[in-house]
Amino acid sequence: MIRDRRRQSRRKTRLRPAKLLTEGGQFLCDCAVVERSDRGARIRAFAPVQVMIPEMLFLFDEVESYKHRSRIVWSKGPELGLAFVSLAEFVEDGERHRIAGRFYAVSE
């Protein structure tokens, strides 16, 4: 039997559209949030994550326009487990448009 070590339960999000950003705010790749809690998230990246994703990054939630400074705590193929290391920051319109750029994102 596998023991769940999470401190809080996660909620399914119906593949909520998001983006991974460097700590400097540069676009890394599109992703989808599969599950989320107040302390972290499970995401599915739409890029080869083994090569290009740093351990510390930002998860930008396209629906709510918030970004979470995050640390990768596990990975399995295209899926990553992220732990939020700070409170969510609201992303203003100008920065949101810069992040979105020319890249495609899944919408709900």
C-alpha atoms as a PDB file:
ATOM      1  CA  MET A   1       0.000   0.000   0.000  1.00  0.00           C
ATOM      2  CA  ILE A   2       1.335   3.452  -0.951  1.00  0.00           C
ATOM      3  CA  ARG A   3       1.205   6.045   1.818  1.00  0.00           C
ATOM      4  CA  ASP A   4       0.207   9.587   0.840  1.00  0.00           C
ATOM      5  CA  ARG A   5       2.717  11.973   2.477  1.00  0.00           C
ATOM      6  CA  ARG A   6       0.877  15.188   1.613  1.00  0.00           C
ATOM      7  CA  ARG A   7       0.045  17.515   4.474  1.00  0.00           C
ATOM      8  CA  GLN A   8      -3.057  18.828   2.697  1.00  0.00           C
ATOM      9  CA  SER A   9      -5.401  17.158   0.254  1.00  0.00           C
ATOM     10  CA  ARG A  10      -5.260  18.303  -3.335  1.00  0.00           C
ATOM     11  CA  ARG A  11      -8.185  19.250  -5.534  1.00  0.00           C
ATOM     12  CA  LYS A  12      -8.493  18.156  -9.165  1.00  0.00           C
ATOM     13  CA  THR A  13      -8.493  21.159 -11.501  1.00  0.00           C
ATOM     14  CA  ARG A  14      -9.701  19.837 -14.883  1.00  0.00           C
ATOM     15  CA  LEU A  15      -6.310  20.477 -16.507  1.00  0.00           C
ATOM     16  CA  ARG A  16      -6.194  24.180 -15.644  1.00  0.00           C
ATOM     17  CA  PRO A  17      -3.918  26.092 -18.097  1.00  0.00           C
ATOM     18  CA  ALA A  18      -0.642  27.397 -16.694  1.00  0.00           C
ATOM     19  CA  LYS A  19       2.911  28.286 -17.632  1.00  0.00           C
ATOM     20  CA  LEU A  20       6.269  27.561 -16.064  1.00  0.00           C
ATOM     21  CA  LEU A  21       8.595  30.563 -15.752  1.00  0.00           C
ATOM     22  CA  THR A  22      12.190  31.007 -14.645  1.00  0.00           C
ATOM     23  CA  GLU A  23      12.818  32.882 -11.410  1.00  0.00           C
ATOM     24  CA  GLY A  24      13.624  35.852 -13.669  1.00  0.00           C
ATOM     25  CA  GLY A  25      10.139  35.626 -15.209  1.00  0.00           C
ATOM     26  CA  GLN A  26      11.078  34.143 -18.601  1.00  0.00           C
ATOM     27  CA  PHE A  27       8.749  31.617 -20.264  1.00  0.00           C
ATOM     28  CA  LEU A  28       9.864  27.964 -20.003  1.00  0.00           C
ATOM     29  CA  CYS A  29       6.862  25.980 -21.241  1.00  0.00           C
ATOM     30  CA  ASP A  30       3.099  25.619 -21.194  1.00  0.00           C
ATOM     31  CA  CYS A  31       1.626  23.169 -18.725  1.00  0.00           C
ATOM     32  CA  ALA A  32      -1.634  22.073 -17.145  1.00  0.00           C
ATOM     33  CA  VAL A  33      -2.367  21.959 -13.423  1.00  0.00           C
ATOM     34  CA  VAL A  34      -3.788  18.505 -12.717  1.00  0.00           C
ATOM     35  CA  GLU A  35      -4.212  18.881  -8.923  1.00  0.00           C
ATOM     36  CA  ARG A  36      -3.615  21.770  -6.552  1.00  0.00           C
ATOM     37  CA  SER A  37      -3.566  22.543  -2.837  1.00  0.00           C
ATOM     38  CA  ASP A  38      -2.585  25.618  -0.832  1.00  0.00           C
ATOM     39  CA  ARG A  39       0.970  24.258  -0.564  1.00  0.00           C
ATOM     40  CA  GLY A  40       1.638  22.796  -4.001  1.00  0.00           C
ATOM     41  CA  ALA A  41       0.471  21.330  -7.275  1.00  0.00           C
ATOM     42  CA  ARG A  42       0.865  18.416  -9.650  1.00  0.00           C
ATOM     43  CA  ILE A  43       1.382  19.675 -13.178  1.00  0.00           C
ATOM     44  CA  ARG A  44       1.781  18.143 -16.634  1.00  0.00           C
ATOM     45  CA  ALA A  45       4.425  19.976 -18.690  1.00  0.00           C
ATOM     46  CA  PHE A  46       4.138  20.277 -22.480  1.00  0.00           C
ATOM     47  CA  ALA A  47       7.916  20.154 -23.071  1.00  0.00           C
ATOM     48  CA  PRO A  48      10.823  17.763 -22.414  1.00  0.00           C
ATOM     49  CA  VAL A  49      11.190  18.607 -18.719  1.00  0.00           C
ATOM     50  CA  GLN A  50      14.216  16.403 -18.026  1.00  0.00           C
ATOM     51  CA  VAL A  51      16.453  18.817 -19.933  1.00  0.00           C
ATOM     52  CA  MET A  52      15.103  22.331 -19.544  1.00  0.00           C
ATOM     53  CA  ILE A  53      13.321  22.845 -16.217  1.00  0.00           C
ATOM     54  CA  PRO A  54      15.255  24.316 -13.242  1.00  0.00           C
ATOM     55  CA  GLU A  55      14.503  23.123  -9.694  1.00  0.00           C
ATOM     56  CA  MET A  56      13.241  26.582  -8.624  1.00  0.00           C
ATOM     57  CA  LEU A  57      10.681  28.298 -10.852  1.00  0.00           C
ATOM     58  CA  PHE A  58       7.337  30.086 -10.973  1.00  0.00           C
ATOM     59  CA  LEU A  59       4.016  28.441 -11.788  1.00  0.00           C
ATOM     60  CA  PHE A  60       1.754  31.009 -13.486  1.00  0.00           C
ATOM     61  CA  ASP A  61      -1.981  30.203 -13.258  1.00  0.00           C
ATOM     62  CA  GLU A  62      -3.543  31.633 -16.431  1.00  0.00           C
ATOM     63  CA  VAL A  63      -7.102  31.500 -15.103  1.00  0.00           C
ATOM     64  CA  GLU A  64      -6.531  33.412 -11.854  1.00  0.00           C
ATOM     65  CA  SER A  65      -3.494  35.484 -13.000  1.00  0.00           C
ATOM     66  CA  TYR A  66      -1.389  34.466  -9.998  1.00  0.00           C
ATOM     67  CA  LYS A  67       2.121  33.062  -9.907  1.00  0.00           C
ATOM     68  CA  HIS A  68       3.607  30.832  -7.224  1.00  0.00           C
ATOM     69  CA  ARG A  69       7.335  30.577  -6.573  1.00  0.00           C
ATOM     70  CA  SER A  70       7.820  26.820  -6.555  1.00  0.00           C
ATOM     71  CA  ARG A  71      10.339  24.049  -6.033  1.00  0.00           C
ATOM     72  CA  ILE A  72      10.186  20.769  -7.932  1.00  0.00           C
ATOM     73  CA  VAL A  73       9.884  17.962  -5.373  1.00  0.00           C
ATOM     74  CA  TRP A  74       9.367  15.029  -7.744  1.00  0.00           C
ATOM     75  CA  SER A  75       9.061  14.247 -11.444  1.00  0.00           C
ATOM     76  CA  LYS A  76       7.736  11.326 -13.434  1.00  0.00           C
ATOM     77  CA  GLY A  77       7.816  11.756 -17.199  1.00  0.00           C
ATOM     78  CA  PRO A  78       5.967  14.982 -18.113  1.00  0.00           C
ATOM     79  CA  GLU A  79       4.405  15.284 -14.640  1.00  0.00           C
ATOM     80  CA  LEU A  80       6.008  17.327 -11.850  1.00  0.00           C
ATOM     81  CA  GLY A  81       5.177  17.776  -8.192  1.00  0.00           C
ATOM     82  CA  LEU A  82       5.664  21.380  -7.085  1.00  0.00           C
ATOM     83  CA  ALA A  83       5.861  22.758  -3.541  1.00  0.00           C
ATOM     84  CA  PHE A  84       4.949  26.438  -3.231  1.00  0.00           C
ATOM     85  CA  VAL A  85       7.717  28.273  -1.366  1.00  0.00           C
ATOM     86  CA  SER A  86       5.990  31.658  -1.059  1.00  0.00           C
ATOM     87  CA  LEU A  87       2.537  33.186  -1.137  1.00  0.00           C
ATOM     88  CA  ALA A  88       0.892  33.660  -4.538  1.00  0.00           C
ATOM     89  CA  GLU A  89       1.636  36.938  -6.314  1.00  0.00           C
ATOM     90  CA  PHE A  90      -0.991  38.625  -8.509  1.00  0.00           C
ATOM     91  CA  VAL A  91       0.246  39.213 -12.073  1.00  0.00           C
ATOM     92  CA  GLU A  92      -0.767  42.554 -13.612  1.00  0.00           C
ATOM     93  CA  ASP A  93      -2.069  42.765 -17.204  1.00  0.00           C
ATOM     94  CA  GLY A  94       1.215  43.994 -18.721  1.00  0.00           C
ATOM     95  CA  GLU A  95       3.233  41.144 -17.271  1.00  0.00           C
ATOM     96  CA  ARG A  96       0.486  38.633 -18.091  1.00  0.00           C
ATOM     97  CA  HIS A  97       0.542  39.644 -21.776  1.00  0.00           C
ATOM     98  CA  ARG A  98       4.348  39.476 -21.821  1.00  0.00           C
ATOM     99  CA  ILE A  99       4.260  35.969 -20.327  1.00  0.00           C
ATOM    100  CA  ALA A 100       1.576  34.770 -22.764  1.00  0.00           C
ATOM    101  CA  GLY A 101       3.477  36.170 -25.756  1.00  0.00           C
ATOM    102  CA  ARG A 102       2.983  34.154 -28.885  1.00  0.00           C
ATOM    103  CA  PHE A 103       2.657  30.830 -27.076  1.00  0.00           C
ATOM    104  CA  TYR A 104      -0.431  28.671 -27.149  1.00  0.00           C
ATOM    105  CA  ALA A 105      -2.122  27.598 -23.907  1.00  0.00           C
ATOM    106  CA  VAL A 106      -4.947  25.202 -23.190  1.00  0.00           C
ATOM    107  CA  SER A 107      -8.125  26.997 -22.103  1.00  0.00           C
ATOM    108  CA  GLU A 108     -11.085  25.843 -20.041  1.00  0.00           C
END
